[in-house]
Amino acid sequence: QISLNLKTIYIFIIMIIKRRSNFFDVYIVKLLKNISEKAEISRDTRNQLNMIIQIFCQKIVDIVYSLLKNTKKRTINVNSVENAVDIFLYGELKKNAKKISHDVIDNKINLIFGFKS
């Protein structure tokens, strides 16, 4: 399990989000291509989606930081991020976010260690 210093990771994420205004643009385009080769959206719509994702990430990072800053624990792990998502999201969005995140983590572990799914 990977653990990083809480304050360091918080500052790093904030710096990345603030420096790169189109941080998630590449992923939005890839997602559209996975849906359909002909799927396209305007640059303005992509910028708006990018901004929404950045706001979500910022809020989740803020919640993680506030949950952990007064505890003896000084590292961020998967559980702390899941707890922040539980607080921030609700309903179907929370359920789908958890399922997708677990699938992504399982796939990455399988790729890294060579496990067959």
N, C-alpha and C. Protein backbone atom coordinates (compact mmCIF):
# COMPACT_ATOMS: atom_id res chain seq x y z
N GLN A 1 0.84 -1.18 0.00
CA GLN A 1 0.00 0.00 0.00
C GLN A 1 0.88 1.24 0.00
N ILE A 2 0.55 2.18 -0.86
CA ILE A 2 1.34 3.39 -1.01
C ILE A 2 0.81 4.46 -0.07
N SER A 3 1.68 5.05 0.71
CA SER A 3 1.30 6.15 1.60
C SER A 3 2.26 7.30 1.39
N LEU A 4 1.72 8.50 1.32
CA LEU A 4 2.53 9.69 1.13
C LEU A 4 2.22 10.69 2.23
N ASN A 5 3.15 11.57 2.49
CA ASN A 5 2.96 12.62 3.48
C ASN A 5 1.74 13.44 3.11
N LEU A 6 0.83 13.65 4.06
CA LEU A 6 -0.44 14.31 3.82
C LEU A 6 -0.28 15.72 3.28
N LYS A 7 0.53 16.53 3.92
CA LYS A 7 0.68 17.91 3.49
C LYS A 7 1.35 18.00 2.12
N THR A 8 2.32 17.14 1.87
CA THR A 8 3.02 17.13 0.59
C THR A 8 2.07 16.80 -0.55
N ILE A 9 1.27 15.76 -0.38
CA ILE A 9 0.36 15.36 -1.45
C ILE A 9 -0.72 16.41 -1.65
N TYR A 10 -1.18 17.04 -0.60
CA TYR A 10 -2.19 18.09 -0.71
C TYR A 10 -1.64 19.26 -1.52
N ILE A 11 -0.46 19.72 -1.19
CA ILE A 11 0.15 20.84 -1.90
C ILE A 11 0.42 20.46 -3.36
N PHE A 12 0.89 19.25 -3.59
CA PHE A 12 1.18 18.78 -4.94
C PHE A 12 -0.07 18.77 -5.81
N ILE A 13 -1.16 18.24 -5.29
CA ILE A 13 -2.41 18.17 -6.06
C ILE A 13 -2.94 19.57 -6.35
N ILE A 14 -2.90 20.44 -5.37
CA ILE A 14 -3.37 21.82 -5.58
C ILE A 14 -2.53 22.52 -6.65
N MET A 15 -1.21 22.32 -6.61
CA MET A 15 -0.34 22.94 -7.60
C MET A 15 -0.64 22.44 -9.00
N ILE A 16 -0.85 21.14 -9.14
CA ILE A 16 -1.15 20.56 -10.45
C ILE A 16 -2.46 21.12 -10.99
N ILE A 17 -3.48 21.15 -10.15
CA ILE A 17 -4.78 21.64 -10.59
C ILE A 17 -4.71 23.10 -10.99
N LYS A 18 -3.98 23.90 -10.24
CA LYS A 18 -3.91 25.33 -10.54
C LYS A 18 -3.03 25.63 -11.75
N ARG A 19 -1.95 24.88 -11.95
CA ARG A 19 -1.03 25.15 -13.05
C ARG A 19 -1.61 24.76 -14.40
N ARG A 20 -2.22 23.61 -14.46
CA ARG A 20 -2.70 23.10 -15.73
C ARG A 20 -4.21 23.27 -15.80
N SER A 21 -4.64 24.23 -16.58
CA SER A 21 -6.06 24.52 -16.64
C SER A 21 -6.83 23.43 -17.39
N ASN A 22 -6.18 22.70 -18.29
CA ASN A 22 -6.85 21.64 -19.04
C ASN A 22 -6.32 20.27 -18.63
N PHE A 23 -6.18 20.07 -17.36
CA PHE A 23 -5.56 18.86 -16.82
C PHE A 23 -6.26 17.58 -17.27
N PHE A 24 -7.59 17.56 -17.32
CA PHE A 24 -8.35 16.35 -17.63
C PHE A 24 -8.80 16.30 -19.09
N ASP A 25 -8.38 17.26 -19.90
CA ASP A 25 -8.82 17.36 -21.29
C ASP A 25 -8.51 16.09 -22.08
N VAL A 26 -7.34 15.54 -21.90
CA VAL A 26 -6.93 14.33 -22.62
C VAL A 26 -7.87 13.17 -22.29
N TYR A 27 -8.23 13.04 -21.01
CA TYR A 27 -9.10 11.94 -20.59
C TYR A 27 -10.52 12.12 -21.11
N ILE A 28 -10.97 13.35 -21.21
CA ILE A 28 -12.31 13.62 -21.75
C ILE A 28 -12.37 13.19 -23.21
N VAL A 29 -11.34 13.52 -23.98
CA VAL A 29 -11.29 13.13 -25.39
C VAL A 29 -11.24 11.61 -25.52
N LYS A 30 -10.41 10.94 -24.71
CA LYS A 30 -10.32 9.48 -24.76
C LYS A 30 -11.65 8.83 -24.40
N LEU A 31 -12.33 9.38 -23.41
CA LEU A 31 -13.63 8.85 -23.02
C LEU A 31 -14.63 8.97 -24.16
N LEU A 32 -14.64 10.11 -24.82
CA LEU A 32 -15.53 10.29 -25.97
C LEU A 32 -15.23 9.29 -27.07
N LYS A 33 -13.95 9.04 -27.35
CA LYS A 33 -13.58 8.09 -28.39
C LYS A 33 -13.97 6.67 -28.01
N ASN A 34 -13.98 6.35 -26.70
CA ASN A 34 -14.44 5.03 -26.26
C ASN A 34 -15.93 4.87 -26.46
N ILE A 35 -16.67 5.96 -26.34
CA ILE A 35 -18.11 5.91 -26.54
C ILE A 35 -18.43 5.73 -28.02
N SER A 36 -17.82 6.56 -28.85
CA SER A 36 -18.03 6.47 -30.29
C SER A 36 -16.91 7.23 -31.00
N GLU A 37 -16.48 6.70 -32.12
CA GLU A 37 -15.44 7.36 -32.90
C GLU A 37 -15.93 8.71 -33.44
N LYS A 38 -17.24 8.83 -33.63
CA LYS A 38 -17.81 10.06 -34.18
C LYS A 38 -18.22 11.06 -33.11
N ALA A 39 -18.13 10.68 -31.85
CA ALA A 39 -18.55 11.58 -30.76
C ALA A 39 -17.61 12.77 -30.65
N GLU A 40 -18.17 13.94 -30.66
CA GLU A 40 -17.38 15.17 -30.52
C GLU A 40 -18.15 16.16 -29.66
N ILE A 41 -17.41 16.99 -28.95
CA ILE A 41 -18.01 18.10 -28.22
C ILE A 41 -17.17 19.34 -28.48
N SER A 42 -17.76 20.47 -28.27
CA SER A 42 -17.04 21.72 -28.53
C SER A 42 -15.94 21.94 -27.51
N ARG A 43 -15.01 22.79 -27.83
CA ARG A 43 -13.91 23.12 -26.93
C ARG A 43 -14.43 23.74 -25.64
N ASP A 44 -15.46 24.58 -25.76
CA ASP A 44 -16.06 25.21 -24.59
C ASP A 44 -16.67 24.17 -23.65
N THR A 45 -17.35 23.19 -24.21
CA THR A 45 -17.94 22.12 -23.40
C THR A 45 -16.86 21.29 -22.72
N ARG A 46 -15.78 21.00 -23.45
CA ARG A 46 -14.67 20.27 -22.83
C ARG A 46 -14.06 21.07 -21.69
N ASN A 47 -13.91 22.36 -21.87
CA ASN A 47 -13.37 23.21 -20.80
C ASN A 47 -14.28 23.20 -19.58
N GLN A 48 -15.58 23.23 -19.81
CA GLN A 48 -16.53 23.20 -18.69
C GLN A 48 -16.48 21.86 -17.95
N LEU A 49 -16.41 20.75 -18.70
CA LEU A 49 -16.27 19.44 -18.06
C LEU A 49 -14.97 19.35 -17.28
N ASN A 50 -13.90 19.85 -17.86
CA ASN A 50 -12.61 19.87 -17.20
C ASN A 50 -12.69 20.64 -15.88
N MET A 51 -13.35 21.78 -15.90
CA MET A 51 -13.48 22.59 -14.69
C MET A 51 -14.31 21.88 -13.63
N ILE A 52 -15.37 21.20 -14.03
CA ILE A 52 -16.21 20.44 -13.08
C ILE A 52 -15.37 19.35 -12.41
N ILE A 53 -14.59 18.63 -13.20
CA ILE A 53 -13.75 17.56 -12.64
C ILE A 53 -12.71 18.14 -11.70
N GLN A 54 -12.12 19.29 -12.06
CA GLN A 54 -11.15 19.94 -11.18
C GLN A 54 -11.79 20.35 -9.87
N ILE A 55 -13.01 20.88 -9.92
CA ILE A 55 -13.70 21.28 -8.69
C ILE A 55 -13.98 20.06 -7.83
N PHE A 56 -14.43 18.96 -8.43
CA PHE A 56 -14.66 17.72 -7.69
C PHE A 56 -13.37 17.27 -7.00
N CYS A 57 -12.28 17.25 -7.75
CA CYS A 57 -10.99 16.81 -7.17
C CYS A 57 -10.56 17.73 -6.03
N GLN A 58 -10.72 19.02 -6.22
CA GLN A 58 -10.34 19.98 -5.19
C GLN A 58 -11.16 19.75 -3.91
N LYS A 59 -12.45 19.55 -4.06
CA LYS A 59 -13.32 19.32 -2.90
C LYS A 59 -12.95 18.03 -2.18
N ILE A 60 -12.68 16.97 -2.94
CA ILE A 60 -12.31 15.70 -2.32
C ILE A 60 -10.98 15.82 -1.59
N VAL A 61 -10.02 16.50 -2.20
CA VAL A 61 -8.71 16.71 -1.55
C VAL A 61 -8.89 17.53 -0.27
N ASP A 62 -9.72 18.56 -0.33
CA ASP A 62 -9.98 19.38 0.87
C ASP A 62 -10.60 18.55 1.99
N ILE A 63 -11.53 17.67 1.64
CA ILE A 63 -12.17 16.82 2.65
C ILE A 63 -11.17 15.84 3.24
N VAL A 64 -10.34 15.22 2.39
CA VAL A 64 -9.30 14.30 2.88
C VAL A 64 -8.38 15.03 3.84
N TYR A 65 -7.94 16.21 3.44
CA TYR A 65 -7.03 16.97 4.28
C TYR A 65 -7.67 17.33 5.62
N SER A 66 -8.93 17.77 5.59
CA SER A 66 -9.59 18.14 6.84
C SER A 66 -9.86 16.93 7.72
N LEU A 67 -10.11 15.76 7.13
CA LEU A 67 -10.33 14.54 7.91
C LEU A 67 -9.05 14.08 8.61
N LEU A 68 -7.93 14.26 7.96
CA LEU A 68 -6.68 13.72 8.49
C LEU A 68 -5.80 14.72 9.24
N LYS A 69 -6.06 16.01 9.10
CA LYS A 69 -5.12 16.97 9.67
C LYS A 69 -5.10 16.98 11.20
N ASN A 70 -6.20 16.61 11.85
CA ASN A 70 -6.23 16.63 13.31
C ASN A 70 -6.02 15.25 13.92
N THR A 71 -5.69 14.28 13.11
CA THR A 71 -5.43 12.94 13.62
C THR A 71 -3.93 12.71 13.70
N LYS A 72 -3.55 11.62 14.31
CA LYS A 72 -2.14 11.26 14.36
C LYS A 72 -1.66 10.71 13.03
N LYS A 73 -2.60 10.30 12.19
CA LYS A 73 -2.27 9.74 10.90
C LYS A 73 -1.85 10.86 9.95
N ARG A 74 -0.71 10.71 9.31
CA ARG A 74 -0.18 11.75 8.43
C ARG A 74 0.01 11.27 7.00
N THR A 75 -0.69 10.23 6.62
CA THR A 75 -0.56 9.72 5.26
C THR A 75 -1.94 9.58 4.63
N ILE A 76 -1.97 9.70 3.31
CA ILE A 76 -3.21 9.50 2.56
C ILE A 76 -3.17 8.08 2.00
N ASN A 77 -4.27 7.36 2.18
CA ASN A 77 -4.37 6.03 1.59
C ASN A 77 -5.73 5.90 0.91
N VAL A 78 -5.99 4.74 0.36
CA VAL A 78 -7.23 4.53 -0.38
C VAL A 78 -8.45 4.75 0.51
N ASN A 79 -8.37 4.28 1.76
CA ASN A 79 -9.52 4.43 2.66
C ASN A 79 -9.86 5.88 2.95
N SER A 80 -8.86 6.71 3.12
CA SER A 80 -9.14 8.12 3.41
C SER A 80 -9.79 8.81 2.21
N VAL A 81 -9.38 8.45 1.01
CA VAL A 81 -10.00 9.02 -0.19
C VAL A 81 -11.43 8.50 -0.34
N GLU A 82 -11.64 7.21 -0.06
CA GLU A 82 -12.99 6.65 -0.12
C GLU A 82 -13.92 7.33 0.87
N ASN A 83 -13.42 7.60 2.06
CA ASN A 83 -14.24 8.30 3.06
C ASN A 83 -14.61 9.70 2.59
N ALA A 84 -13.67 10.38 1.97
CA ALA A 84 -13.95 11.72 1.45
C ALA A 84 -14.99 11.66 0.33
N VAL A 85 -14.89 10.67 -0.53
CA VAL A 85 -15.88 10.51 -1.60
C VAL A 85 -17.24 10.20 -1.01
N ASP A 86 -17.29 9.38 0.05
CA ASP A 86 -18.56 9.09 0.72
C ASP A 86 -19.20 10.35 1.28
N ILE A 87 -18.39 11.25 1.80
CA ILE A 87 -18.92 12.50 2.35
C ILE A 87 -19.37 13.44 1.23
N PHE A 88 -18.60 13.51 0.16
CA PHE A 88 -18.85 14.49 -0.90
C PHE A 88 -19.98 14.08 -1.84
N LEU A 89 -20.00 12.82 -2.25
CA LEU A 89 -21.00 12.35 -3.21
C LEU A 89 -22.12 11.62 -2.48
N TYR A 90 -23.24 11.45 -3.17
CA TYR A 90 -24.36 10.71 -2.59
C TYR A 90 -25.14 9.99 -3.70
N GLY A 91 -25.94 9.02 -3.28
CA GLY A 91 -26.83 8.32 -4.21
C GLY A 91 -26.09 7.47 -5.22
N GLU A 92 -26.65 7.45 -6.43
CA GLU A 92 -26.10 6.65 -7.52
C GLU A 92 -24.69 7.09 -7.90
N LEU A 93 -24.42 8.38 -7.81
CA LEU A 93 -23.09 8.89 -8.16
C LEU A 93 -22.03 8.29 -7.23
N LYS A 94 -22.34 8.23 -5.93
CA LYS A 94 -21.40 7.64 -4.98
C LYS A 94 -21.21 6.16 -5.25
N LYS A 95 -22.31 5.45 -5.48
CA LYS A 95 -22.24 4.01 -5.71
C LYS A 95 -21.42 3.70 -6.97
N ASN A 96 -21.67 4.44 -8.05
CA ASN A 96 -20.93 4.21 -9.29
C ASN A 96 -19.47 4.60 -9.16
N ALA A 97 -19.18 5.68 -8.45
CA ALA A 97 -17.80 6.11 -8.26
C ALA A 97 -17.01 5.05 -7.49
N LYS A 98 -17.62 4.47 -6.47
CA LYS A 98 -16.93 3.43 -5.70
C LYS A 98 -16.66 2.19 -6.55
N LYS A 99 -17.67 1.77 -7.32
CA LYS A 99 -17.51 0.58 -8.14
C LYS A 99 -16.42 0.78 -9.18
N ILE A 100 -16.44 1.92 -9.86
CA ILE A 100 -15.45 2.19 -10.90
C ILE A 100 -14.05 2.30 -10.30
N SER A 101 -13.93 2.96 -9.15
CA SER A 101 -12.60 3.10 -8.54
C SER A 101 -12.04 1.75 -8.12
N HIS A 102 -12.88 0.88 -7.58
CA HIS A 102 -12.40 -0.46 -7.20
C HIS A 102 -11.99 -1.25 -8.45
N ASP A 103 -12.75 -1.14 -9.53
CA ASP A 103 -12.40 -1.83 -10.77
C ASP A 103 -11.06 -1.33 -11.31
N VAL A 104 -10.86 -0.01 -11.28
CA VAL A 104 -9.61 0.57 -11.78
C VAL A 104 -8.43 0.11 -10.93
N ILE A 105 -8.58 0.13 -9.62
CA ILE A 105 -7.50 -0.30 -8.73
C ILE A 105 -7.19 -1.77 -8.96
N ASP A 106 -8.22 -2.61 -9.07
CA ASP A 106 -8.00 -4.04 -9.32
C ASP A 106 -7.28 -4.27 -10.65
N ASN A 107 -7.69 -3.54 -11.69
CA ASN A 107 -7.04 -3.69 -12.99
C ASN A 107 -5.58 -3.25 -12.94
N LYS A 108 -5.28 -2.16 -12.25
CA LYS A 108 -3.90 -1.69 -12.13
C LYS A 108 -3.04 -2.69 -11.38
N ILE A 109 -3.59 -3.25 -10.30
CA ILE A 109 -2.84 -4.25 -9.53
C ILE A 109 -2.55 -5.47 -10.40
N ASN A 110 -3.56 -5.88 -11.17
CA ASN A 110 -3.36 -7.02 -12.05
C ASN A 110 -2.30 -6.73 -13.11
N LEU A 111 -2.30 -5.53 -13.66
CA LEU A 111 -1.28 -5.16 -14.66
C LEU A 111 0.11 -5.11 -14.06
N ILE A 112 0.22 -4.53 -12.86
CA ILE A 112 1.52 -4.37 -12.24
C ILE A 112 2.12 -5.71 -11.85
N PHE A 113 1.32 -6.57 -11.23
CA PHE A 113 1.84 -7.83 -10.71
C PHE A 113 1.63 -9.01 -11.64
N GLY A 114 0.99 -8.78 -12.79
CA GLY A 114 0.82 -9.84 -13.77
C GLY A 114 -0.26 -10.85 -13.43
N PHE A 115 -1.20 -10.50 -12.56
CA PHE A 115 -2.29 -11.40 -12.24
C PHE A 115 -3.26 -11.43 -13.39
N LYS A 116 -3.87 -12.58 -13.60
CA LYS A 116 -4.90 -12.68 -14.65
C LYS A 116 -6.25 -12.47 -14.03
N SER A 117 -7.09 -11.66 -14.73
CA SER A 117 -8.42 -11.40 -14.18
C SER A 117 -9.44 -12.39 -14.66
